[in-house]
Each structure stands twice: as C-alpha cells, then as structure tokens.
Amino acid sequence: MALPVVRACGGGCRERTRYHCREARYDYGGRFPSGCAKQTEEKLMAHRYQRGCLRKESRKNGMLWMLRYYAIRPADGKKVQRTLFVGYVVDFPTQSDAWAEADRLHLAEKINQPGRLGTASFAQIARHYADDELLRLANTTEYCYHHIIDGYLVPRWGSCYAVEIKPNEVERWLNSLSKEAKAKNGLEWPTLRKMRNVMNLIYAHAQRQGLIPEDLKYNPVRPAGLGGARCKCTSDYEALILIPEQTFTILNLVPTLERTLILLVAVTALRISEALGLQWRDIDYENSQINVRRRWIRGNIDKPKSKASKAPVAMAPLLAEWLRAWRNESMHSKPEDWIFASIKTNGRTPRVGNMLVADHLRPAAAKSGVFKNGVPKRFGFHNLRHSLSSFLITEKKADVRTVQDTLRHAKPDMTLGAYTKSPMKARIAAQQQVLDAIFDKSASTGAVQ
C-alpha cells in the first residue's frame, strides 16, 4: 500500500499526499506533480484506469451485483464512491458471471469515460426502479405500477437501450394502444397518461442512480414542451351523479347492512375501501367523528391512501343513530370487530366492495331509475362521492374548502375539477339570470329592436 509522504506543493504549503514517490514517478514520468494534495489526487484519478470492484447488495426481492468505483464530484472536486447496477445474483451466481455481464455492458468504459454512459437496457433500469422504489409506495399503487411495467413497458421496450428510445417512438406506441386507434382492448387516455408517467419515473430513477446520463435529452418522456412524447390526459368518461331522491329510493331497496353502508358513503364521501376497513372502535361518538385508520382493498388491510385521507370524518347525530342501530343488530359488535363484517368468514374479514356493487347497489340503482340512458360500464360507490360534492357546491352553495375537507382532497382543484358537476337545471337558472339582467337593463333604455 502506498505510504504518505510530506512535500511542498507549488503554492508553498506542506500537504500529506496519499501516494508514494514511486507511484508518482510511475504516473508522471518521475516528476512530482505541482499543486497541493487535492490537485494531485484529481490528476492521478484522471490518469488512472479503474476496473472497479463487485459487491453483493441485499434487496427485499433478492441479492444483486453492484459495481463500485470512484469518481470526482464536479460540485466540490472531492473523490466519492459511486455504484452501477450489474445484475441479480440469481441470474449471475458467481463473481465470474457478474464480471462477464459487466464486460458485456461495457461498464469499464462507463466509469472511465463518463460520456459513454448509457448501454443499460430499458428492462434493467425498469427492474432497478421496481426493486428500489415500488416498495415505498402504497400496496395499490405498487400493484398498479407493477402491472404497467410488467404488462406494457418491459414487453415493448425491455430489449432496447434506454438512451436510444426516441420520443416519437413512445408517442406512436401510446397512440396505437388508445381506443381512438381502435386497438383491441383499447385503453383510455388517462390510463395511457399514467403509463407515460411511470416510464418517466423509471428514467428519473435511472439518472439519479447513474445508470444513464443525466442529460434531459436521454429521457424520451420528458415534458412535452421540452421535446418529450406527448399524450392526451382527458377522457370521455363522466361520472353519473345521483340526486338525494334517487339515493333515498336506493336505500329502501337494499338490506340493512347495505343500506347502512350506502348511507355512510353517501353522506361522508368515504371511499368504499375506507368504509369497509372501519371497526367499531373507530367511531368516536363523543367527538362526533369517524377515524380513518386503515382500508380494506383487494383482500388485504392497507394504510390510508394519502396523508389527507387520514383526516377524521365528520359524523352528524342522525348518522350516529344509524350506526348505533346497525351495531345493535349486527352479530359482530365488539370494538375490534369490522362494522361491515362478512358472514361467510364469520366476521374475520369485511365484505367485498365489488360484490356489494354487483349484488345490491347496481340492481337497486337500476330499479330506482338512475340509469336513464342504459346501464353504464362504470358505476359504484365512488359515484356517491361525486354526487355529494356536486350537491353541496352547486345546490347548497357550500364553501369549497368545506367540501374539500369533507372529501379529504389535498387540493381544491381536484374537488372542483374532477368531482363537481353542475346539473342542467342549475345551468338553465344561471342563464336565466343573465337574460333577466339583459332585458331589465333594456327595459330602462328602450325595447330591443
């Protein structure tokens, strides 16, 4: 190992360098380099060829091979350790196999000539993102992103070099998957937009981890204004809005458990997964509120969707009476019991949301005359959230902030833009007000010619 020596730098100071004089003579033809130790180290790093070293690192999905190497950080000129992803131990059991893969990926060229970084395939950066990032997300989001990556992105782009994928190629591919292109099982534009966003997350992760160059031009799904692939974000779908009279009719057509559940969702705007995840101990009668601590989704207990979703939900006295009445009737009334417990599992799990929609909510809505233009493909408990927002804002002129907090949205534009729809009679009334104002003014100045 090189021994430190003390020498005078060109600036007159005395610094302790990491390199023995023989090492310096080898690299610089026997001459001591001028400058202090920091400058010497930078020059030595710049002239030396490094192969790096392989290390195994553990992830929840398995062991992987990482290539460690040193680089000079441009911000402050300090030498720092960097890593590059090589592959998984299950694919490359021995270190020799891993080195062969590193050579195939030209990683030695990458770490010695950073400008040549970029021979990683899209499948590699996608798998790296999935292993490092997806486990931090909510279960439903993780499931959705895995479906997009494994079902769409990797089958199409996996074998391509990540830096060679072009924006126009991604744009044409997204268009080919849309319903407008009459593709088999065509997708809605919001779904395609989500696929584009996941692809962007993958590229951003790869650039942070040094798998591909940091220049924005290597990201084909960068913002459209900067030349990235374009994708529509609108859909023809409009949520069906129920008026209070229709909700009342539906309540009279379903059994007690379903009636209580539908009323709870209709007046609190709880998501069906949150309502099914409620236990009796979550009902705070003293403070007139319902605490959202968990949700029941896809047969699993999960945390609430977001920070805003954890906010307590208001509970009016009449709603509290309905819940008390159901507790007195239910066979599962202990504090730790599910409020809407499944009879088939003897109360061990809550009911299943999509079965409640198919067996009770949709048939009752059809009988109550909600589906005037035929049964829509999309109708469920979520329509009750849209209906509550539309009724409070357009009919009762409620404060937007109050409605936002009721729906527990993080931003008001989601409440107004996506969840609120004005009924036709409200638009006619607004138009009539304009007509009245025009003709009242005309009457004072003379008749309209």
Protein backbone atom coordinates (compact mmCIF):
# COMPACT_ATOMS: atom_id res chain seq x y z
CA MET A 1 0.00 0.00 0.00
CA ALA A 2 1.28 3.49 -0.86
CA LEU A 3 2.81 5.35 2.07
CA PRO A 4 2.06 9.03 2.66
CA VAL A 5 4.90 11.48 2.10
CA VAL A 6 5.25 15.12 3.05
CA ARG A 7 6.29 17.54 0.38
CA ALA A 8 5.87 21.17 -0.54
CA CYS A 9 3.22 21.99 -3.11
CA GLY A 10 3.63 24.64 -5.74
CA GLY A 11 1.82 27.15 -3.52
CA GLY A 12 4.35 26.86 -0.66
CA CYS A 13 2.21 24.83 1.73
CA ARG A 14 3.12 21.36 3.03
CA GLU A 15 0.46 18.72 2.46
CA ARG A 16 0.39 14.99 3.16
CA THR A 17 -0.40 13.09 -0.03
CA ARG A 18 -1.69 9.54 -0.33
CA TYR A 19 0.84 8.49 -2.92
CA HIS A 20 4.43 7.32 -2.54
CA CYS A 21 7.04 8.96 -4.76
CA ARG A 22 7.49 5.76 -6.77
CA GLU A 23 3.79 5.86 -7.62
CA ALA A 24 4.09 9.49 -8.66
CA ARG A 25 7.14 8.70 -10.82
CA TYR A 26 5.22 5.88 -12.47
CA ASP A 27 2.30 8.11 -13.38
CA TYR A 28 4.16 11.29 -14.17
CA GLY A 29 7.49 10.14 -15.62
CA GLY A 30 9.42 10.60 -12.36
CA ARG A 31 8.28 14.19 -11.78
CA PHE A 32 6.36 15.28 -8.73
CA PRO A 33 3.08 16.89 -9.89
CA SER A 34 2.70 20.54 -8.98
CA GLY A 35 -0.11 21.74 -6.71
CA CYS A 36 -1.41 20.57 -3.35
CA ALA A 37 -2.61 17.09 -2.42
CA LYS A 38 -6.17 17.64 -3.61
CA GLN A 39 -4.98 18.67 -7.07
CA THR A 40 -2.53 15.74 -7.15
CA GLU A 41 -5.29 13.29 -6.33
CA GLU A 42 -7.54 14.69 -9.04
CA LYS A 43 -4.77 14.32 -11.63
CA LEU A 44 -3.98 10.79 -10.51
CA MET A 45 -7.65 9.88 -10.71
CA ALA A 46 -7.90 11.44 -14.16
CA HIS A 47 -4.93 9.43 -15.49
CA ARG A 48 -5.63 6.06 -13.88
CA TYR A 49 -7.70 3.33 -15.45
CA GLN A 50 -10.04 1.68 -12.94
CA ARG A 51 -11.97 -1.53 -13.31
CA GLY A 52 -13.98 -1.14 -10.10
CA CYS A 53 -14.96 -3.90 -7.70
CA LEU A 54 -18.05 -6.08 -7.48
CA ARG A 55 -20.10 -6.28 -4.30
CA LYS A 56 -23.32 -8.05 -3.41
CA GLU A 57 -26.11 -5.90 -2.01
CA SER A 58 -29.32 -7.11 -0.46
CA ARG A 59 -32.79 -6.02 -1.52
CA LYS A 60 -36.16 -7.28 -0.41
CA ASN A 61 -36.60 -9.00 -3.75
CA GLY A 62 -33.18 -10.65 -3.67
CA MET A 63 -29.42 -10.12 -3.89
CA LEU A 64 -27.90 -8.08 -6.69
CA TRP A 65 -24.42 -7.31 -8.01
CA MET A 66 -23.23 -3.69 -7.87
CA LEU A 67 -20.03 -2.34 -9.41
CA ARG A 68 -18.31 0.15 -7.11
CA TYR A 69 -15.91 2.76 -8.45
CA TYR A 70 -14.54 6.21 -7.64
CA ALA A 71 -15.29 9.47 -9.41
CA ILE A 72 -14.61 13.15 -8.89
CA ARG A 73 -17.72 15.07 -7.85
CA PRO A 74 -17.99 18.17 -10.08
CA ALA A 75 -19.62 20.28 -7.36
CA ASP A 76 -16.64 20.32 -4.99
CA GLY A 77 -13.92 18.25 -6.68
CA LYS A 78 -13.97 15.54 -3.99
CA LYS A 79 -13.49 11.88 -4.73
CA VAL A 80 -16.67 9.94 -4.00
CA GLN A 81 -17.73 6.35 -4.37
CA ARG A 82 -20.36 5.55 -6.99
CA THR A 83 -22.16 2.34 -7.93
CA LEU A 84 -23.60 0.84 -11.09
CA PHE A 85 -26.15 -1.94 -11.31
CA VAL A 86 -24.80 -5.11 -12.95
CA GLY A 87 -27.45 -7.77 -12.44
CA TYR A 88 -29.11 -10.12 -9.99
CA VAL A 89 -27.28 -12.90 -8.19
CA VAL A 90 -29.98 -15.34 -9.25
CA ASP A 91 -29.06 -14.59 -12.87
CA PHE A 92 -25.29 -14.43 -12.27
CA PRO A 93 -24.46 -16.82 -9.40
CA THR A 94 -20.68 -16.38 -9.40
CA GLN A 95 -18.46 -13.34 -9.45
CA SER A 96 -17.03 -14.51 -12.77
CA ASP A 97 -20.52 -14.49 -14.25
CA ALA A 98 -21.07 -10.99 -12.89
CA TRP A 99 -17.79 -9.75 -14.37
CA ALA A 100 -18.77 -11.22 -17.72
CA GLU A 101 -22.05 -9.31 -17.57
CA ALA A 102 -20.20 -6.12 -16.58
CA ASP A 103 -17.95 -6.54 -19.60
CA ARG A 104 -20.95 -7.14 -21.83
CA LEU A 105 -22.49 -3.89 -20.58
CA HIS A 106 -19.19 -2.03 -21.15
CA LEU A 107 -19.24 -0.79 -17.56
CA ALA A 108 -15.46 -0.32 -17.54
CA GLU A 109 -15.85 2.18 -20.37
CA LYS A 110 -18.63 3.94 -18.48
CA ILE A 111 -16.64 4.53 -15.32
CA ASN A 112 -13.51 5.64 -17.18
CA GLN A 113 -15.30 7.67 -19.84
CA PRO A 114 -18.48 9.01 -18.24
CA GLY A 115 -19.57 10.44 -21.57
CA ARG A 116 -20.13 6.90 -22.84
CA LEU A 117 -22.61 6.04 -20.06
CA GLY A 118 -25.79 4.61 -21.44
CA THR A 119 -25.69 0.95 -22.52
CA ALA A 120 -28.21 -0.22 -19.94
CA SER A 121 -31.37 -1.70 -21.41
CA PHE A 122 -34.81 -0.41 -20.50
CA ALA A 123 -35.57 -3.73 -18.80
CA GLN A 124 -32.57 -3.23 -16.49
CA ILE A 125 -33.48 0.29 -15.41
CA ALA A 126 -37.13 -0.72 -15.02
CA ARG A 127 -36.20 -3.65 -12.79
CA HIS A 128 -33.84 -1.46 -10.79
CA TYR A 129 -36.63 1.09 -10.25
CA ALA A 130 -39.12 -1.60 -9.25
CA ASP A 131 -36.79 -3.07 -6.63
CA ASP A 132 -35.66 0.26 -5.17
CA GLU A 133 -38.77 2.44 -5.34
CA LEU A 134 -42.00 0.45 -5.53
CA LEU A 135 -41.76 -1.00 -2.04
CA ARG A 136 -42.05 2.53 -0.64
CA LEU A 137 -45.45 3.05 -2.26
CA ALA A 138 -48.91 2.06 -1.08
CA ASN A 139 -49.93 -1.50 -1.94
CA THR A 140 -52.48 -0.46 -4.53
CA THR A 141 -50.03 1.92 -6.23
CA GLU A 142 -47.31 -0.74 -6.18
CA TYR A 143 -49.70 -3.25 -7.77
CA CYS A 144 -50.72 -0.74 -10.47
CA TYR A 145 -47.12 0.22 -11.32
CA HIS A 146 -46.02 -3.42 -11.44
CA HIS A 147 -48.87 -4.14 -13.83
CA ILE A 148 -47.84 -1.26 -16.10
CA ILE A 149 -44.15 -2.19 -16.05
CA ASP A 150 -44.55 -5.96 -16.48
CA GLY A 151 -47.60 -5.86 -18.72
CA TYR A 152 -46.79 -3.00 -21.08
CA LEU A 153 -43.45 -1.19 -20.74
CA VAL A 154 -40.97 -4.06 -20.49
CA PRO A 155 -42.59 -6.27 -23.18
CA ARG A 156 -42.37 -3.36 -25.64
CA TRP A 157 -39.15 -1.56 -24.65
CA GLY A 158 -37.25 -4.05 -22.49
CA SER A 159 -34.69 -5.12 -25.09
CA CYS A 160 -33.94 -1.54 -26.23
CA TYR A 161 -31.06 0.54 -24.93
CA ALA A 162 -32.68 3.07 -22.60
CA VAL A 163 -30.87 6.06 -24.11
CA GLU A 164 -31.82 5.11 -27.67
CA ILE A 165 -35.59 5.20 -27.20
CA LYS A 166 -36.96 8.26 -29.01
CA PRO A 167 -39.94 10.45 -28.02
CA ASN A 168 -41.72 9.97 -31.35
CA GLU A 169 -41.49 6.19 -30.95
CA VAL A 170 -43.09 6.34 -27.50
CA GLU A 171 -45.76 8.71 -28.78
CA ARG A 172 -46.72 6.43 -31.68
CA TRP A 173 -46.82 3.45 -29.34
CA LEU A 174 -49.16 5.20 -26.90
CA ASN A 175 -51.43 6.26 -29.75
CA SER A 176 -51.57 2.69 -31.04
CA LEU A 177 -52.88 1.49 -27.66
CA SER A 178 -55.69 4.03 -27.44
CA LYS A 179 -59.36 3.40 -28.13
CA GLU A 180 -59.19 6.06 -30.83
CA ALA A 181 -56.84 3.77 -32.78
CA LYS A 182 -59.49 1.02 -32.47
CA ALA A 183 -56.95 -1.25 -30.80
CA LYS A 184 -58.16 -4.50 -29.29
CA ASN A 185 -58.96 -3.77 -25.65
CA GLY A 186 -58.03 -0.14 -26.33
CA LEU A 187 -57.11 1.98 -23.31
CA GLU A 188 -58.46 5.33 -22.17
CA TRP A 189 -56.16 8.34 -22.39
CA PRO A 190 -55.86 8.80 -18.60
CA THR A 191 -54.58 5.19 -18.40
CA LEU A 192 -52.06 5.86 -21.16
CA ARG A 193 -51.04 9.05 -19.39
CA LYS A 194 -50.34 7.04 -16.25
CA MET A 195 -48.18 4.62 -18.27
CA ARG A 196 -46.21 7.58 -19.60
CA ASN A 197 -45.77 8.93 -16.07
CA VAL A 198 -44.47 5.57 -14.80
CA MET A 199 -42.00 5.48 -17.67
CA ASN A 200 -40.84 8.96 -16.66
CA LEU A 201 -40.35 7.81 -13.06
CA ILE A 202 -38.18 4.96 -14.31
CA TYR A 203 -35.96 7.31 -16.31
CA ALA A 204 -35.65 9.80 -13.45
CA HIS A 205 -34.60 6.97 -11.11
CA ALA A 206 -32.05 5.67 -13.62
CA GLN A 207 -30.48 9.11 -13.94
CA ARG A 208 -30.31 9.55 -10.16
CA GLN A 209 -28.61 6.17 -9.81
CA GLY A 210 -26.12 6.82 -12.61
CA LEU A 211 -27.48 4.09 -14.86
CA ILE A 212 -27.90 6.50 -17.78
CA PRO A 213 -26.57 10.03 -18.45
CA GLU A 214 -28.22 12.87 -16.55
CA ASP A 215 -28.88 14.99 -19.64
CA LEU A 216 -32.63 15.52 -20.15
CA LYS A 217 -32.35 14.59 -23.83
CA TYR A 218 -31.88 10.94 -22.85
CA ASN A 219 -35.37 10.84 -21.31
CA PRO A 220 -37.92 10.27 -24.10
CA VAL A 221 -40.85 11.06 -21.80
CA ARG A 222 -39.52 14.39 -20.54
CA PRO A 223 -42.08 17.27 -20.51
CA ALA A 224 -43.73 17.66 -23.90
CA GLY A 225 -42.69 21.31 -24.02
CA LEU A 226 -39.06 20.16 -23.97
CA GLY A 227 -39.50 17.66 -26.78
CA GLY A 228 -40.81 14.63 -24.89
CA ALA A 229 -43.52 12.22 -26.04
CA ARG A 230 -46.98 13.77 -25.97
CA CYS A 231 -50.07 12.09 -24.55
CA LYS A 232 -53.63 13.25 -24.07
CA CYS A 233 -54.86 13.40 -20.49
CA THR A 234 -58.62 13.76 -20.99
CA SER A 235 -61.30 11.11 -21.13
CA ASP A 236 -64.87 10.95 -22.41
CA TYR A 237 -65.97 9.44 -19.09
CA GLU A 238 -68.32 11.47 -16.91
CA ALA A 239 -69.35 10.20 -13.52
CA LEU A 240 -73.07 9.58 -13.12
CA ILE A 241 -74.48 11.94 -10.48
CA LEU A 242 -77.26 10.84 -8.14
CA ILE A 243 -79.71 13.33 -6.65
CA PRO A 244 -80.81 12.86 -3.00
CA GLU A 245 -84.20 11.50 -4.03
CA GLN A 246 -82.55 8.71 -6.02
CA THR A 247 -80.26 7.86 -3.11
CA PHE A 248 -83.30 7.63 -0.83
CA THR A 249 -85.01 5.22 -3.24
CA ILE A 250 -81.90 3.03 -3.39
CA LEU A 251 -81.74 2.86 0.41
CA ASN A 252 -85.25 1.40 0.51
CA LEU A 253 -84.34 -1.36 -1.95
CA VAL A 254 -81.39 -2.96 -0.12
CA PRO A 255 -80.94 -4.93 3.16
CA THR A 256 -79.92 -3.28 6.42
CA LEU A 257 -76.15 -3.78 6.18
CA GLU A 258 -76.02 -2.50 2.61
CA ARG A 259 -78.39 0.35 3.49
CA THR A 260 -76.15 1.49 6.33
CA LEU A 261 -73.05 1.25 4.16
CA ILE A 262 -74.58 3.18 1.23
CA LEU A 263 -75.84 5.92 3.56
CA LEU A 264 -72.44 6.16 5.26
CA VAL A 265 -70.61 6.59 1.94
CA ALA A 266 -73.25 8.95 0.52
CA VAL A 267 -73.06 11.47 3.38
CA THR A 268 -69.39 11.20 4.40
CA ALA A 269 -67.72 10.66 0.98
CA LEU A 270 -65.68 7.80 2.44
CA ARG A 271 -64.03 5.65 -0.18
CA ILE A 272 -65.51 2.16 -0.20
CA SER A 273 -62.15 0.67 0.85
CA GLU A 274 -62.08 3.05 3.84
CA ALA A 275 -65.69 2.31 4.81
CA LEU A 276 -65.11 -1.45 4.67
CA GLY A 277 -61.92 -1.01 6.72
CA LEU A 278 -63.77 0.57 9.65
CA GLN A 279 -64.01 -1.15 13.03
CA TRP A 280 -66.39 -0.16 15.81
CA ARG A 281 -63.54 1.36 17.83
CA ASP A 282 -63.00 3.86 15.00
CA ILE A 283 -66.36 5.52 15.71
CA ASP A 284 -65.85 8.42 18.13
CA TYR A 285 -69.34 9.30 19.34
CA GLU A 286 -68.03 11.78 21.91
CA ASN A 287 -66.32 13.98 19.30
CA SER A 288 -68.82 13.23 16.50
CA GLN A 289 -66.21 11.92 14.13
CA ILE A 290 -65.03 8.76 12.36
CA ASN A 291 -61.32 7.96 12.43
CA VAL A 292 -59.89 6.54 9.20
CA ARG A 293 -57.02 4.27 10.25
CA ARG A 294 -56.96 1.61 7.55
CA ARG A 295 -58.63 0.42 4.39
CA TRP A 296 -59.70 -2.97 3.08
CA ILE A 297 -58.74 -3.44 -0.56
CA ARG A 298 -58.13 -6.50 -2.73
CA GLY A 299 -58.45 -8.78 0.28
CA ASN A 300 -55.73 -7.00 2.28
CA ILE A 301 -55.51 -4.43 5.05
CA ASP A 302 -53.66 -1.35 3.85
CA LYS A 303 -52.87 2.10 5.20
CA PRO A 304 -54.97 5.09 4.07
CA LYS A 305 -54.38 6.33 0.55
CA SER A 306 -52.63 9.60 1.48
CA LYS A 307 -51.90 11.99 4.33
CA ALA A 308 -55.11 13.90 3.58
CA SER A 309 -57.08 10.64 3.69
CA LYS A 310 -56.12 10.13 7.33
CA ALA A 311 -58.13 13.17 8.42
CA PRO A 312 -61.13 12.38 10.67
CA VAL A 313 -64.56 12.35 9.03
CA ALA A 314 -67.46 14.35 10.47
CA MET A 315 -70.42 12.39 11.84
CA ALA A 316 -73.82 14.09 12.21
CA PRO A 317 -76.16 12.97 15.03
CA LEU A 318 -78.57 11.22 12.63
CA LEU A 319 -75.73 9.22 11.07
CA ALA A 320 -74.55 8.26 14.58
CA GLU A 321 -78.04 6.91 15.31
CA TRP A 322 -77.97 4.79 12.16
CA LEU A 323 -74.61 3.32 13.16
CA ARG A 324 -75.82 2.57 16.69
CA ALA A 325 -78.88 0.84 15.28
CA TRP A 326 -76.75 -1.34 13.00
CA ARG A 327 -74.40 -2.22 15.86
CA ASN A 328 -77.34 -3.40 17.95
CA GLU A 329 -78.48 -5.61 15.08
CA SER A 330 -75.07 -6.92 13.97
CA MET A 331 -73.65 -10.19 15.29
CA HIS A 332 -70.20 -8.56 15.33
CA SER A 333 -70.37 -5.62 17.70
CA LYS A 334 -67.13 -5.79 19.69
CA PRO A 335 -64.78 -2.78 19.46
CA GLU A 336 -62.29 -4.75 17.36
CA ASP A 337 -64.96 -6.17 15.02
CA TRP A 338 -65.47 -4.96 11.46
CA ILE A 339 -68.52 -2.73 11.10
CA PHE A 340 -69.45 -4.40 7.81
CA ALA A 341 -68.23 -7.92 8.61
CA SER A 342 -68.57 -10.79 6.18
CA ILE A 343 -70.99 -13.52 7.19
CA LYS A 344 -69.17 -16.12 5.06
CA THR A 345 -65.93 -15.65 7.02
CA ASN A 346 -67.78 -15.39 10.34
CA GLY A 347 -66.65 -11.80 10.78
CA ARG A 348 -62.93 -12.41 10.26
CA THR A 349 -62.89 -10.11 7.23
CA PRO A 350 -65.08 -7.28 5.92
CA ARG A 351 -67.40 -7.57 2.94
CA VAL A 352 -66.05 -7.26 -0.61
CA GLY A 353 -66.75 -3.96 -2.39
CA ASN A 354 -67.22 -5.15 -5.99
CA MET A 355 -69.61 -7.90 -4.88
CA LEU A 356 -71.69 -5.36 -2.96
CA VAL A 357 -71.92 -3.26 -6.10
CA ALA A 358 -72.87 -6.17 -8.36
CA ASP A 359 -75.37 -7.78 -5.96
CA HIS A 360 -77.01 -4.72 -4.40
CA LEU A 361 -76.01 -1.20 -5.50
CA ARG A 362 -76.31 -1.55 -9.28
CA PRO A 363 -79.60 -3.53 -9.23
CA ALA A 364 -81.11 -1.03 -6.78
CA ALA A 365 -79.92 1.91 -8.91
CA ALA A 366 -81.48 0.34 -12.00
CA LYS A 367 -84.84 -0.15 -10.22
CA SER A 368 -84.81 3.45 -8.94
CA GLY A 369 -84.49 4.84 -12.48
CA VAL A 370 -80.92 6.14 -12.18
CA PHE A 371 -79.84 4.58 -15.50
CA LYS A 372 -81.96 6.54 -17.95
CA ASN A 373 -79.58 6.02 -20.88
CA GLY A 374 -78.77 2.37 -20.29
CA VAL A 375 -76.62 0.71 -17.64
CA PRO A 376 -73.14 2.33 -17.70
CA LYS A 377 -69.98 0.27 -17.58
CA ARG A 378 -68.68 2.25 -14.61
CA PHE A 379 -70.97 2.72 -11.65
CA GLY A 380 -70.28 2.07 -8.00
CA PHE A 381 -69.78 3.56 -4.58
CA HIS A 382 -67.39 6.17 -5.97
CA ASN A 383 -70.31 7.83 -7.76
CA LEU A 384 -71.65 8.73 -4.33
CA ARG A 385 -68.51 10.83 -3.67
CA HIS A 386 -69.06 12.72 -6.93
CA SER A 387 -72.75 13.16 -6.09
CA LEU A 388 -72.03 14.60 -2.63
CA SER A 389 -69.53 17.13 -3.99
CA SER A 390 -71.87 18.24 -6.80
CA PHE A 391 -74.86 18.58 -4.47
CA LEU A 392 -73.04 20.60 -1.79
CA ILE A 393 -71.34 23.02 -4.21
CA THR A 394 -73.99 23.53 -6.91
CA GLU A 395 -77.20 23.09 -4.90
CA LYS A 396 -76.33 24.23 -1.40
CA LYS A 397 -73.54 26.67 -2.39
CA ALA A 398 -71.31 25.21 0.31
CA ASP A 399 -67.85 26.62 0.87
CA VAL A 400 -65.30 24.91 -1.39
CA ARG A 401 -62.89 24.42 1.49
CA THR A 402 -65.59 22.63 3.48
CA VAL A 403 -66.32 20.27 0.61
CA GLN A 404 -62.61 19.71 0.02
CA ASP A 405 -62.13 18.71 3.65
CA THR A 406 -65.22 16.51 3.51
CA LEU A 407 -63.82 14.58 0.56
CA ARG A 408 -60.33 14.82 2.13
CA HIS A 409 -58.65 16.02 -1.04
CA ALA A 410 -55.17 17.50 -0.82
CA LYS A 411 -56.01 20.28 -3.31
CA PRO A 412 -59.27 22.10 -4.14
CA ASP A 413 -58.76 21.79 -7.91
CA MET A 414 -59.39 18.04 -7.56
CA THR A 415 -62.67 18.75 -5.76
CA LEU A 416 -63.88 21.32 -8.30
CA GLY A 417 -62.36 19.94 -11.49
CA ALA A 418 -62.88 16.20 -11.14
CA TYR A 419 -65.64 15.69 -8.59
CA THR A 420 -68.12 18.52 -9.11
CA LYS A 421 -70.65 18.64 -11.95
CA SER A 422 -73.44 21.17 -12.20
CA PRO A 423 -76.92 19.82 -13.12
CA MET A 424 -78.67 21.12 -16.23
CA LYS A 425 -81.34 22.92 -14.20
CA ALA A 426 -78.63 24.91 -12.43
CA ARG A 427 -77.15 25.96 -15.78
CA ILE A 428 -80.59 26.98 -17.08
CA ALA A 429 -81.19 29.01 -13.92
CA ALA A 430 -77.83 30.74 -14.33
CA GLN A 431 -78.61 31.50 -17.98
CA GLN A 432 -82.00 32.90 -16.98
CA GLN A 433 -80.32 35.28 -14.54
CA VAL A 434 -78.22 36.67 -17.39
CA LEU A 435 -81.33 37.06 -19.57
CA ASP A 436 -83.17 38.85 -16.77
CA ALA A 437 -80.26 41.23 -16.30
CA ILE A 438 -80.08 41.98 -20.04
CA PHE A 439 -83.78 42.67 -20.50
CA ASP A 440 -84.16 44.58 -17.23
CA LYS A 441 -81.45 46.94 -18.48
CA SER A 442 -83.01 47.06 -21.93
CA ALA A 443 -86.38 47.98 -20.43
CA SER A 444 -84.88 51.09 -18.85
CA THR A 445 -83.23 52.23 -22.08
CA GLY A 446 -85.83 51.12 -24.61
CA ALA A 447 -87.18 47.98 -26.29
CA VAL A 448 -84.90 45.63 -28.17
CA GLN A 449 -85.18 46.19 -31.91
